[in-house]
PDB file of N, CA and C in Angstrom:
ATOM      1  N   UNK A   1      -4.485  17.907  19.328  1.00  0.00           N
ATOM      2  CA  UNK A   1      -3.976  16.656  18.822  1.00  0.00           C
ATOM      3  C   UNK A   1      -3.317  15.847  19.954  1.00  0.00           C
ATOM      4  N   UNK A   2      -2.523  16.501  20.764  1.00  0.00           N
ATOM      5  CA  UNK A   2      -1.878  15.802  21.868  1.00  0.00           C
ATOM      6  C   UNK A   2      -2.905  15.277  22.861  1.00  0.00           C
ATOM      7  N   UNK A   3      -3.970  16.037  23.071  1.00  0.00           N
ATOM      8  CA  UNK A   3      -5.028  15.587  23.984  1.00  0.00           C
ATOM      9  C   UNK A   3      -5.654  14.294  23.478  1.00  0.00           C
ATOM     10  N   UNK A   4      -5.860  14.196  22.193  1.00  0.00           N
ATOM     11  CA  UNK A   4      -6.433  12.968  21.612  1.00  0.00           C
ATOM     12  C   UNK A   4      -5.510  11.785  21.893  1.00  0.00           C
ATOM     13  N   UNK A   5      -4.201  11.978  21.705  1.00  0.00           N
ATOM     14  CA  UNK A   5      -3.254  10.890  21.959  1.00  0.00           C
ATOM     15  C   UNK A   5      -3.238  10.486  23.429  1.00  0.00           C
ATOM     16  N   UNK A   6      -3.485  11.437  24.310  1.00  0.00           N
ATOM     17  CA  UNK A   6      -3.494  11.144  25.746  1.00  0.00           C
ATOM     18  C   UNK A   6      -4.817  10.552  26.216  1.00  0.00           C
ATOM     19  N   UNK A   7      -5.919  10.975  25.612  1.00  0.00           N
ATOM     20  CA  UNK A   7      -7.241  10.618  26.116  1.00  0.00           C
ATOM     21  C   UNK A   7      -7.896   9.449  25.396  1.00  0.00           C
ATOM     22  N   UNK A   8      -7.490   9.184  24.181  1.00  0.00           N
ATOM     23  CA  UNK A   8      -8.121   8.123  23.402  1.00  0.00           C
ATOM     24  C   UNK A   8      -7.134   6.972  23.194  1.00  0.00           C
ATOM     25  N   UNK A   9      -7.647   5.784  22.903  1.00  0.00           N
ATOM     26  CA  UNK A   9      -6.769   4.616  22.705  1.00  0.00           C
ATOM     27  C   UNK A   9      -6.145   4.596  21.304  1.00  0.00           C
ATOM     28  N   UNK A  10      -5.384   5.634  20.994  1.00  0.00           N
ATOM     29  CA  UNK A  10      -4.819   5.780  19.651  1.00  0.00           C
ATOM     30  C   UNK A  10      -3.875   4.632  19.311  1.00  0.00           C
ATOM     31  N   UNK A  11      -2.998   4.270  20.211  1.00  0.00           N
ATOM     32  CA  UNK A  11      -2.032   3.205  19.916  1.00  0.00           C
ATOM     33  C   UNK A  11      -2.724   1.875  19.640  1.00  0.00           C
ATOM     34  N   UNK A  12      -3.805   1.593  20.350  1.00  0.00           N
ATOM     35  CA  UNK A  12      -4.555   0.362  20.107  1.00  0.00           C
ATOM     36  C   UNK A  12      -5.198   0.394  18.715  1.00  0.00           C
ATOM     37  N   UNK A  13      -5.740   1.564  18.340  1.00  0.00           N
ATOM     38  CA  UNK A  13      -6.355   1.695  17.005  1.00  0.00           C
ATOM     39  C   UNK A  13      -5.302   1.548  15.911  1.00  0.00           C
ATOM     40  N   UNK A  14      -4.120   2.102  16.123  1.00  0.00           N
ATOM     41  CA  UNK A  14      -3.049   2.005  15.129  1.00  0.00           C
ATOM     42  C   UNK A  14      -2.590   0.550  14.998  1.00  0.00           C
ATOM     43  N   UNK A  15      -2.481  -0.160  16.116  1.00  0.00           N
ATOM     44  CA  UNK A  15      -2.094  -1.577  16.072  1.00  0.00           C
ATOM     45  C   UNK A  15      -3.147  -2.392  15.322  1.00  0.00           C
ATOM     46  N   UNK A  16      -4.425  -2.107  15.560  1.00  0.00           N
ATOM     47  CA  UNK A  16      -5.496  -2.796  14.841  1.00  0.00           C
ATOM     48  C   UNK A  16      -5.432  -2.487  13.356  1.00  0.00           C
ATOM     49  N   UNK A  17      -5.159  -1.243  13.001  1.00  0.00           N
ATOM     50  CA  UNK A  17      -5.005  -0.862  11.603  1.00  0.00           C
ATOM     51  C   UNK A  17      -3.874  -1.659  10.960  1.00  0.00           C
ATOM     52  N   UNK A  18      -2.753  -1.793  11.646  1.00  0.00           N
ATOM     53  CA  UNK A  18      -1.632  -2.557  11.117  1.00  0.00           C
ATOM     54  C   UNK A  18      -1.994  -4.006  10.866  1.00  0.00           C
ATOM     55  N   UNK A  19      -2.742  -4.607  11.796  1.00  0.00           N
ATOM     56  CA  UNK A  19      -3.168  -6.009  11.611  1.00  0.00           C
ATOM     57  C   UNK A  19      -4.136  -6.135  10.445  1.00  0.00           C
ATOM     58  N   UNK A  20      -5.097  -5.230  10.354  1.00  0.00           N
ATOM     59  CA  UNK A  20      -6.062  -5.274   9.247  1.00  0.00           C
ATOM     60  C   UNK A  20      -5.367  -5.065   7.906  1.00  0.00           C
ATOM     61  N   UNK A  21      -4.436  -4.144   7.893  1.00  0.00           N
ATOM     62  CA  UNK A  21      -3.697  -3.887   6.664  1.00  0.00           C
ATOM     63  C   UNK A  21      -2.887  -5.116   6.260  1.00  0.00           C
ATOM     64  N   UNK A  22      -2.250  -5.775   7.212  1.00  0.00           N
ATOM     65  CA  UNK A  22      -1.461  -6.978   6.915  1.00  0.00           C
ATOM     66  C   UNK A  22      -2.340  -8.070   6.310  1.00  0.00           C
ATOM     67  N   UNK A  23      -3.543  -8.222   6.838  1.00  0.00           N
ATOM     68  CA  UNK A  23      -4.469  -9.224   6.294  1.00  0.00           C
ATOM     69  C   UNK A  23      -4.795  -8.928   4.836  1.00  0.00           C
ATOM     70  N   UNK A  24      -5.062  -7.661   4.526  1.00  0.00           N
ATOM     71  CA  UNK A  24      -5.426  -7.290   3.153  1.00  0.00           C
ATOM     72  C   UNK A  24      -4.225  -7.334   2.221  1.00  0.00           C
ATOM     73  N   UNK A  25      -3.049  -7.022   2.734  1.00  0.00           N
ATOM     74  CA  UNK A  25      -1.860  -7.036   1.889  1.00  0.00           C
ATOM     75  C   UNK A  25      -1.501  -8.443   1.414  1.00  0.00           C
ATOM     76  N   UNK A  26      -2.007  -9.451   2.108  1.00  0.00           N
ATOM     77  CA  UNK A  26      -1.782 -10.827   1.656  1.00  0.00           C
ATOM     78  C   UNK A  26      -2.325 -11.019   0.242  1.00  0.00           C
ATOM     79  N   UNK A  27      -3.396 -10.308  -0.098  1.00  0.00           N
ATOM     80  CA  UNK A  27      -3.948 -10.385  -1.458  1.00  0.00           C
ATOM     81  C   UNK A  27      -2.953  -9.839  -2.477  1.00  0.00           C
ATOM     82  N   UNK A  28      -2.260  -8.767  -2.109  1.00  0.00           N
ATOM     83  CA  UNK A  28      -1.282  -8.177  -3.020  1.00  0.00           C
ATOM     84  C   UNK A  28      -0.079  -9.104  -3.159  1.00  0.00           C
ATOM     85  N   UNK A  29       0.372  -9.653  -2.050  1.00  0.00           N
ATOM     86  CA  UNK A  29       1.538 -10.547  -2.062  1.00  0.00           C
ATOM     87  C   UNK A  29       1.271 -11.785  -2.916  1.00  0.00           C
ATOM     88  N   UNK A  30       0.025 -12.217  -2.984  1.00  0.00           N
ATOM     89  CA  UNK A  30      -0.324 -13.403  -3.768  1.00  0.00           C
ATOM     90  C   UNK A  30      -0.271 -13.142  -5.276  1.00  0.00           C
ATOM     91  N   UNK A  31      -0.205 -11.904  -5.679  1.00  0.00           N
ATOM     92  CA  UNK A  31      -0.161 -11.572  -7.106  1.00  0.00           C
ATOM     93  C   UNK A  31       1.155 -12.081  -7.691  1.00  0.00           C
ATOM     94  N   UNK A  32       1.114 -12.710  -8.859  1.00  0.00           N
ATOM     95  CA  UNK A  32       2.337 -13.288  -9.435  1.00  0.00           C
ATOM     96  C   UNK A  32       3.427 -12.265  -9.779  1.00  0.00           C
ATOM     97  N   UNK A  33       3.072 -10.999  -9.962  1.00  0.00           N
ATOM     98  CA  UNK A  33       4.073  -9.983 -10.300  1.00  0.00           C
ATOM     99  C   UNK A  33       4.621  -9.267  -9.068  1.00  0.00           C
ATOM    100  N   UNK A  34       4.199  -9.693  -7.878  1.00  0.00           N
ATOM    101  CA  UNK A  34       4.599  -9.009  -6.647  1.00  0.00           C
ATOM    102  C   UNK A  34       5.511  -9.902  -5.828  1.00  0.00           C
ATOM    103  N   UNK A  35       6.506  -9.295  -5.238  1.00  0.00           N
ATOM    104  CA  UNK A  35       7.408 -10.022  -4.345  1.00  0.00           C
ATOM    105  C   UNK A  35       8.073  -9.056  -3.389  1.00  0.00           C
ATOM    106  N   UNK A  36       8.806  -9.571  -2.469  1.00  0.00           N
ATOM    107  CA  UNK A  36       9.559  -8.736  -1.552  1.00  0.00           C
ATOM    108  C   UNK A  36       8.711  -7.851  -0.663  1.00  0.00           C
ATOM    109  N   UNK A  37       7.559  -8.342  -0.206  1.00  0.00           N
ATOM    110  CA  UNK A  37       6.682  -7.537   0.644  1.00  0.00           C
ATOM    111  C   UNK A  37       7.219  -7.478   2.067  1.00  0.00           C
ATOM    112  N   UNK A  38       6.991  -6.321   2.697  1.00  0.00           N
ATOM    113  CA  UNK A  38       7.381  -6.145   4.091  1.00  0.00           C
ATOM    114  C   UNK A  38       6.456  -5.112   4.723  1.00  0.00           C
ATOM    115  N   UNK A  39       6.382  -5.143   6.049  1.00  0.00           N
ATOM    116  CA  UNK A  39       5.528  -4.209   6.768  1.00  0.00           C
ATOM    117  C   UNK A  39       6.128  -3.905   8.129  1.00  0.00           C
ATOM    118  N   UNK A  40       6.028  -2.651   8.521  1.00  0.00           N
ATOM    119  CA  UNK A  40       6.433  -2.218   9.850  1.00  0.00           C
ATOM    120  C   UNK A  40       5.339  -1.280  10.341  1.00  0.00           C
ATOM    121  N   UNK A  41       4.573  -1.741  11.309  1.00  0.00           N
ATOM    122  CA  UNK A  41       3.439  -0.944  11.776  1.00  0.00           C
ATOM    123  C   UNK A  41       2.421  -0.789  10.674  1.00  0.00           C
ATOM    124  N   UNK A  42       2.121   0.460  10.317  1.00  0.00           N
ATOM    125  CA  UNK A  42       1.145   0.703   9.259  1.00  0.00           C
ATOM    126  C   UNK A  42       1.797   1.046   7.924  1.00  0.00           C
ATOM    127  N   UNK A  43       3.110   0.962   7.859  1.00  0.00           N
ATOM    128  CA  UNK A  43       3.815   1.209   6.602  1.00  0.00           C
ATOM    129  C   UNK A  43       4.161  -0.136   5.975  1.00  0.00           C
ATOM    130  N   UNK A  44       3.715  -0.309   4.744  1.00  0.00           N
ATOM    131  CA  UNK A  44       3.981  -1.557   4.027  1.00  0.00           C
ATOM    132  C   UNK A  44       4.622  -1.226   2.686  1.00  0.00           C
ATOM    133  N   UNK A  45       5.345  -2.182   2.144  1.00  0.00           N
ATOM    134  CA  UNK A  45       5.980  -2.005   0.843  1.00  0.00           C
ATOM    135  C   UNK A  45       6.021  -3.348   0.135  1.00  0.00           C
ATOM    136  N   UNK A  46       5.945  -3.293  -1.181  1.00  0.00           N
ATOM    137  CA  UNK A  46       6.084  -4.507  -1.980  1.00  0.00           C
ATOM    138  C   UNK A  46       6.743  -4.149  -3.299  1.00  0.00           C
ATOM    139  N   UNK A  47       7.455  -5.127  -3.861  1.00  0.00           N
ATOM    140  CA  UNK A  47       8.152  -4.925  -5.127  1.00  0.00           C
ATOM    141  C   UNK A  47       7.332  -5.526  -6.260  1.00  0.00           C
ATOM    142  N   UNK A  48       7.370  -4.836  -7.389  1.00  0.00           N
ATOM    143  CA  UNK A  48       6.701  -5.317  -8.595  1.00  0.00           C
ATOM    144  C   UNK A  48       7.774  -5.790  -9.561  1.00  0.00           C
ATOM    145  N   UNK A  49       7.599  -6.994 -10.076  1.00  0.00           N
ATOM    146  CA  UNK A  49       8.537  -7.504 -11.072  1.00  0.00           C
ATOM    147  C   UNK A  49       8.467  -6.601 -12.297  1.00  0.00           C
ATOM    148  N   UNK A  50       9.616  -6.126 -12.741  1.00  0.00           N
ATOM    149  CA  UNK A  50       9.677  -5.217 -13.883  1.00  0.00           C
ATOM    150  C   UNK A  50      10.943  -5.492 -14.669  1.00  0.00           C
ATOM    151  N   UNK A  51      10.930  -5.164 -15.959  1.00  0.00           N
ATOM    152  CA  UNK A  51      12.138  -5.366 -16.761  1.00  0.00           C
ATOM    153  C   UNK A  51      13.343  -4.625 -16.189  1.00  0.00           C
ATOM    154  N   UNK A  52      13.115  -3.436 -15.668  1.00  0.00           N
ATOM    155  CA  UNK A  52      14.181  -2.699 -14.997  1.00  0.00           C
ATOM    156  C   UNK A  52      13.766  -2.491 -13.551  1.00  0.00           C
ATOM    157  N   UNK A  53      14.681  -2.721 -12.651  1.00  0.00           N
ATOM    158  CA  UNK A  53      14.368  -2.523 -11.241  1.00  0.00           C
ATOM    159  C   UNK A  53      15.194  -1.363 -10.716  1.00  0.00           C
ATOM    160  N   UNK A  54      14.985  -1.040  -9.492  1.00  0.00           N
ATOM    161  CA  UNK A  54      15.723   0.049  -8.889  1.00  0.00           C
ATOM    162  C   UNK A  54      14.950   1.344  -8.931  1.00  0.00           C
ATOM    163  N   UNK A  55      15.597   2.397  -8.476  1.00  0.00           N
ATOM    164  CA  UNK A  55      14.947   3.683  -8.289  1.00  0.00           C
ATOM    165  C   UNK A  55      14.372   4.262  -9.576  1.00  0.00           C
ATOM    166  N   UNK A  56      15.011   4.035 -10.708  1.00  0.00           N
ATOM    167  CA  UNK A  56      14.562   4.629 -11.963  1.00  0.00           C
ATOM    168  C   UNK A  56      13.705   3.691 -12.810  1.00  0.00           C
ATOM    169  N   UNK A  57      13.162   2.666 -12.197  1.00  0.00           N
ATOM    170  CA  UNK A  57      12.312   1.739 -12.934  1.00  0.00           C
ATOM    171  C   UNK A  57      11.144   2.477 -13.571  1.00  0.00           C
ATOM    172  N   UNK A  58      10.851   2.130 -14.811  1.00  0.00           N
ATOM    173  CA  UNK A  58       9.769   2.789 -15.550  1.00  0.00           C
ATOM    174  C   UNK A  58       8.385   2.414 -15.028  1.00  0.00           C
ATOM    175  N   UNK A  59       8.305   1.383 -14.217  1.00  0.00           N
ATOM    176  CA  UNK A  59       6.996   0.949 -13.752  1.00  0.00           C
ATOM    177  C   UNK A  59       6.411   1.892 -12.699  1.00  0.00           C
ATOM    178  N   UNK A  60       7.256   2.621 -11.988  1.00  0.00           N
ATOM    179  CA  UNK A  60       6.779   3.501 -10.911  1.00  0.00           C
ATOM    180  C   UNK A  60       5.795   4.565 -11.391  1.00  0.00           C
ATOM    181  N   UNK A  61       6.126   5.346 -12.419  1.00  0.00           N
ATOM    182  CA  UNK A  61       5.157   6.357 -12.865  1.00  0.00           C
ATOM    183  C   UNK A  61       3.845   5.731 -13.353  1.00  0.00           C
ATOM    184  N   UNK A  62       3.941   4.566 -13.954  1.00  0.00           N
ATOM    185  CA  UNK A  62       2.736   3.892 -14.463  1.00  0.00           C
ATOM    186  C   UNK A  62       1.841   3.454 -13.307  1.00  0.00           C
ATOM    187  N   UNK A  63       2.419   2.823 -12.304  1.00  0.00           N
ATOM    188  CA  UNK A  63       1.632   2.368 -11.147  1.00  0.00           C
ATOM    189  C   UNK A  63       1.025   3.562 -10.418  1.00  0.00           C
ATOM    190  N   UNK A  64       1.807   4.622 -10.244  1.00  0.00           N
ATOM    191  CA  UNK A  64       1.305   5.798  -9.547  1.00  0.00           C
ATOM    192  C   UNK A  64       0.126   6.411 -10.301  1.00  0.00           C
ATOM    193  N   UNK A  65       0.231   6.525 -11.616  1.00  0.00           N
ATOM    194  CA  UNK A  65      -0.855   7.097 -12.412  1.00  0.00           C
ATOM    195  C   UNK A  65      -2.105   6.213 -12.361  1.00  0.00           C
ATOM    196  N   UNK A  66      -1.914   4.907 -12.458  1.00  0.00           N
ATOM    197  CA  UNK A  66      -3.061   3.995 -12.418  1.00  0.00           C
ATOM    198  C   UNK A  66      -3.747   4.022 -11.061  1.00  0.00           C
ATOM    199  N   UNK A  67      -2.986   4.114 -10.000  1.00  0.00           N
ATOM    200  CA  UNK A  67      -3.582   4.220  -8.661  1.00  0.00           C
ATOM    201  C   UNK A  67      -4.338   5.537  -8.524  1.00  0.00           C
ATOM    202  N   UNK A  68      -3.738   6.601  -8.998  1.00  0.00           N
ATOM    203  CA  UNK A  68      -4.392   7.913  -8.914  1.00  0.00           C
ATOM    204  C   UNK A  68      -5.711   7.903  -9.675  1.00  0.00           C
ATOM    205  N   UNK A  69      -5.748   7.259 -10.863  1.00  0.00           N
ATOM    206  CA  UNK A  69      -6.997   7.144 -11.625  1.00  0.00           C
ATOM    207  C   UNK A  69      -8.067   6.406 -10.824  1.00  0.00           C
ATOM    208  N   UNK A  70      -7.635   5.530  -9.943  1.00  0.00           N
ATOM    209  CA  UNK A  70      -8.561   4.756  -9.115  1.00  0.00           C
ATOM    210  C   UNK A  70      -8.861   5.448  -7.779  1.00  0.00           C
ATOM    211  N   UNK A  71      -8.330   6.657  -7.600  1.00  0.00           N
ATOM    212  CA  UNK A  71      -8.613   7.428  -6.403  1.00  0.00           C
ATOM    213  C   UNK A  71      -7.735   7.121  -5.211  1.00  0.00           C
ATOM    214  N   UNK A  72      -6.555   6.536  -5.460  1.00  0.00           N
ATOM    215  CA  UNK A  72      -5.663   6.152  -4.366  1.00  0.00           C
ATOM    216  C   UNK A  72      -4.273   6.736  -4.617  1.00  0.00           C
ATOM    217  N   UNK A  73      -3.697   7.315  -3.574  1.00  0.00           N
ATOM    218  CA  UNK A  73      -2.331   7.819  -3.657  1.00  0.00           C
ATOM    219  C   UNK A  73      -1.404   6.839  -2.957  1.00  0.00           C
ATOM    220  N   UNK A  74      -0.564   6.182  -3.744  1.00  0.00           N
ATOM    221  CA  UNK A  74       0.472   5.305  -3.201  1.00  0.00           C
ATOM    222  C   UNK A  74       1.811   5.905  -3.588  1.00  0.00           C
ATOM    223  N   UNK A  75       2.851   5.477  -2.900  1.00  0.00           N
ATOM    224  CA  UNK A  75       4.177   6.058  -3.107  1.00  0.00           C
ATOM    225  C   UNK A  75       5.113   5.046  -3.739  1.00  0.00           C
ATOM    226  N   UNK A  76       5.230   5.051  -5.070  1.00  0.00           N
ATOM    227  CA  UNK A  76       6.191   4.141  -5.689  1.00  0.00           C
ATOM    228  C   UNK A  76       7.575   4.775  -5.756  1.00  0.00           C
ATOM    229  N   UNK A  77       8.574   3.988  -5.462  1.00  0.00           N
ATOM    230  CA  UNK A  77       9.970   4.368  -5.663  1.00  0.00           C
ATOM    231  C   UNK A  77      10.604   3.252  -6.469  1.00  0.00           C
ATOM    232  N   UNK A  78      10.865   3.525  -7.711  1.00  0.00           N
ATOM    233  CA  UNK A  78      11.358   2.472  -8.583  1.00  0.00           C
ATOM    234  C   UNK A  78      10.290   1.414  -8.755  1.00  0.00           C
ATOM    235  N   UNK A  79      10.659   0.179  -8.535  1.00  0.00           N
ATOM    236  CA  UNK A  79       9.667  -0.892  -8.649  1.00  0.00           C
ATOM    237  C   UNK A  79       9.117  -1.299  -7.281  1.00  0.00           C
ATOM    238  N   UNK A  80       9.351  -0.474  -6.256  1.00  0.00           N
ATOM    239  CA  UNK A  80       8.795  -0.714  -4.925  1.00  0.00           C
ATOM    240  C   UNK A  80       7.677   0.278  -4.658  1.00  0.00           C
ATOM    241  N   UNK A  81       6.546  -0.245  -4.183  1.00  0.00           N
ATOM    242  CA  UNK A  81       5.389   0.593  -3.874  1.00  0.00           C
ATOM    243  C   UNK A  81       5.217   0.621  -2.363  1.00  0.00           C
ATOM    244  N   UNK A  82       5.092   1.821  -1.817  1.00  0.00           N
ATOM    245  CA  UNK A  82       4.894   2.000  -0.382  1.00  0.00           C
ATOM    246  C   UNK A  82       3.439   2.358  -0.114  1.00  0.00           C
ATOM    247  N   UNK A  83       2.888   1.755   0.919  1.00  0.00           N
ATOM    248  CA  UNK A  83       1.509   1.993   1.328  1.00  0.00           C
ATOM    249  C   UNK A  83       1.556   2.558   2.743  1.00  0.00           C
ATOM    250  N   UNK A  84       1.084   3.800   2.887  1.00  0.00           N
ATOM    251  CA  UNK A  84       1.126   4.470   4.187  1.00  0.00           C
ATOM    252  C   UNK A  84      -0.229   5.122   4.467  1.00  0.00           C
ATOM    253  N   UNK A  85      -1.213   4.347   4.877  1.00  0.00           N
ATOM    254  CA  UNK A  85      -2.538   4.926   5.086  1.00  0.00           C
ATOM    255  C   UNK A  85      -2.584   5.803   6.337  1.00  0.00           C
ATOM    256  N   UNK A  86      -3.488   6.767   6.340  1.00  0.00           N
ATOM    257  CA  UNK A  86      -3.639   7.591   7.545  1.00  0.00           C
ATOM    258  C   UNK A  86      -4.239   6.764   8.678  1.00  0.00           C
ATOM    259  N   UNK A  87      -3.975   7.163   9.895  1.00  0.00           N
ATOM    260  CA  UNK A  87      -4.472   6.421  11.056  1.00  0.00           C
ATOM    261  C   UNK A  87      -5.996   6.408  11.142  1.00  0.00           C
ATOM    262  N   UNK A  88      -6.662   7.335  10.465  1.00  0.00           N
ATOM    263  CA  UNK A  88      -8.123   7.404  10.542  1.00  0.00           C
ATOM    264  C   UNK A  88      -8.812   6.538   9.491  1.00  0.00           C
ATOM    265  N   UNK A  89      -8.068   5.783   8.709  1.00  0.00           N
ATOM    266  CA  UNK A  89      -8.652   4.974   7.637  1.00  0.00           C
ATOM    267  C   UNK A  89      -9.506   3.845   8.217  1.00  0.00           C
ATOM    268  N   UNK A  90     -10.587   3.559   7.528  1.00  0.00           N
ATOM    269  CA  UNK A  90     -11.474   2.478   7.942  1.00  0.00           C
ATOM    270  C   UNK A  90     -11.272   1.236   7.095  1.00  0.00           C
ATOM    271  N   UNK A  91     -11.917   0.159   7.483  1.00  0.00           N
ATOM    272  CA  UNK A  91     -11.755  -1.118   6.790  1.00  0.00           C
ATOM    273  C   UNK A  91     -12.195  -1.039   5.328  1.00  0.00           C
ATOM    274  N   UNK A  92     -13.278  -0.346   5.065  1.00  0.00           N
ATOM    275  CA  UNK A  92     -13.763  -0.208   3.687  1.00  0.00           C
ATOM    276  C   UNK A  92     -12.720   0.495   2.825  1.00  0.00           C
ATOM    277  N   UNK A  93     -12.095   1.529   3.378  1.00  0.00           N
ATOM    278  CA  UNK A  93     -11.074   2.252   2.627  1.00  0.00           C
ATOM    279  C   UNK A  93      -9.809   1.423   2.433  1.00  0.00           C
ATOM    280  N   UNK A  94      -9.469   0.592   3.405  1.00  0.00           N
ATOM    281  CA  UNK A  94      -8.319  -0.311   3.235  1.00  0.00           C
ATOM    282  C   UNK A  94      -8.601  -1.270   2.082  1.00  0.00           C
ATOM    283  N   UNK A  95      -9.801  -1.831   2.052  1.00  0.00           N
ATOM    284  CA  UNK A  95     -10.175  -2.732   0.955  1.00  0.00           C
ATOM    285  C   UNK A  95     -10.112  -2.003  -0.389  1.00  0.00           C
ATOM    286  N   UNK A  96     -10.614  -0.774  -0.425  1.00  0.00           N
ATOM    287  CA  UNK A  96     -10.581   0.034  -1.648  1.00  0.00           C
ATOM    288  C   UNK A  96      -9.142   0.267  -2.099  1.00  0.00           C
ATOM    289  N   UNK A  97      -8.264   0.587  -1.158  1.00  0.00           N
ATOM    290  CA  UNK A  97      -6.851   0.831  -1.450  1.00  0.00           C
ATOM    291  C   UNK A  97      -6.194  -0.421  -2.041  1.00  0.00           C
ATOM    292  N   UNK A  98      -6.456  -1.566  -1.435  1.00  0.00           N
ATOM    293  CA  UNK A  98      -5.863  -2.820  -1.910  1.00  0.00           C
ATOM    294  C   UNK A  98      -6.401  -3.166  -3.295  1.00  0.00           C
ATOM    295  N   UNK A  99      -7.708  -2.995  -3.509  1.00  0.00           N
ATOM    296  CA  UNK A  99      -8.287  -3.262  -4.832  1.00  0.00           C
ATOM    297  C   UNK A  99      -7.650  -2.358  -5.895  1.00  0.00           C
ATOM    298  N   UNK A 100      -7.464  -1.088  -5.563  1.00  0.00           N
ATOM    299  CA  UNK A 100      -6.849  -0.152  -6.501  1.00  0.00           C
ATOM    300  C   UNK A 100      -5.406  -0.546  -6.798  1.00  0.00           C
ATOM    301  N   UNK A 101      -4.666  -0.929  -5.771  1.00  0.00           N
ATOM    302  CA  UNK A 101      -3.275  -1.342  -5.974  1.00  0.00           C
ATOM    303  C   UNK A 101      -3.198  -2.595  -6.845  1.00  0.00           C
ATOM    304  N   UNK A 102      -4.068  -3.550  -6.583  1.00  0.00           N
ATOM    305  CA  UNK A 102      -4.072  -4.770  -7.402  1.00  0.00           C
ATOM    306  C   UNK A 102      -4.435  -4.459  -8.847  1.00  0.00           C
ATOM    307  N   UNK A 103      -5.396  -3.611  -9.043  1.00  0.00           N
ATOM    308  CA  UNK A 103      -5.775  -3.218 -10.407  1.00  0.00           C
ATOM    309  C   UNK A 103      -4.636  -2.516 -11.121  1.00  0.00           C
ATOM    310  N   UNK A 104      -3.923  -1.669 -10.413  1.00  0.00           N
ATOM    311  CA  UNK A 104      -2.790  -0.964 -11.007  1.00  0.00           C
ATOM    312  C   UNK A 104      -1.659  -1.927 -11.346  1.00  0.00           C
ATOM    313  N   UNK A 105      -1.374  -2.867 -10.461  1.00  0.00           N
ATOM    314  CA  UNK A 105      -0.328  -3.851 -10.739  1.00  0.00           C
ATOM    315  C   UNK A 105      -0.717  -4.703 -11.938  1.00  0.00           C
ATOM    316  N   UNK A 106      -1.974  -5.125 -11.992  1.00  0.00           N
ATOM    317  CA  UNK A 106      -2.454  -5.900 -13.158  1.00  0.00           C
ATOM    318  C   UNK A 106      -2.237  -5.132 -14.451  1.00  0.00           C
ATOM    319  N   UNK A 107      -2.687  -3.891 -14.464  1.00  0.00           N
ATOM    320  CA  UNK A 107      -2.595  -3.093 -15.689  1.00  0.00           C
ATOM    321  C   UNK A 107      -1.162  -2.760 -16.053  1.00  0.00           C
ATOM    322  N   UNK A 108      -0.329  -2.470 -15.074  1.00  0.00           N
ATOM    323  CA  UNK A 108       1.052  -2.086 -15.341  1.00  0.00           C
ATOM    324  C   UNK A 108       1.917  -3.251 -15.790  1.00  0.00           C
ATOM    325  N   UNK A 109       1.555  -4.467 -15.384  1.00  0.00           N
ATOM    326  CA  UNK A 109       2.378  -5.624 -15.726  1.00  0.00           C
ATOM    327  C   UNK A 109       1.777  -6.463 -16.847  1.00  0.00           C
ATOM    328  N   UNK A 110       0.659  -6.016 -17.399  1.00  0.00           N
ATOM    329  CA  UNK A 110      -0.005  -6.783 -18.478  1.00  0.00           C
ATOM    330  C   UNK A 110       0.757  -6.664 -19.778  1.00  0.00           C
TER     331      UNK A 110
END
């Protein structure tokens, strides 16, 4: 693993992943039930408008289950959803992840 980090342009690939992810996350931010989006590197988070907010928001288990049904593991904490894709993710998978997250937000806030 260390050899890969030394021999391959890993940091450049991670920076490209962060930029690609930011472009796709704009679709999530545009959703009327989403706000408070932020990103640092390849870790992104956004808040879902919910009747109860905070760590014990009831929307978290619903969003997590809906994402899992769509084949995506996201990390909700309260009404905040964290997106932390692996460094090996490709553009098609990023699009799939964003589509799944949007579908889950739609269903959870309907």
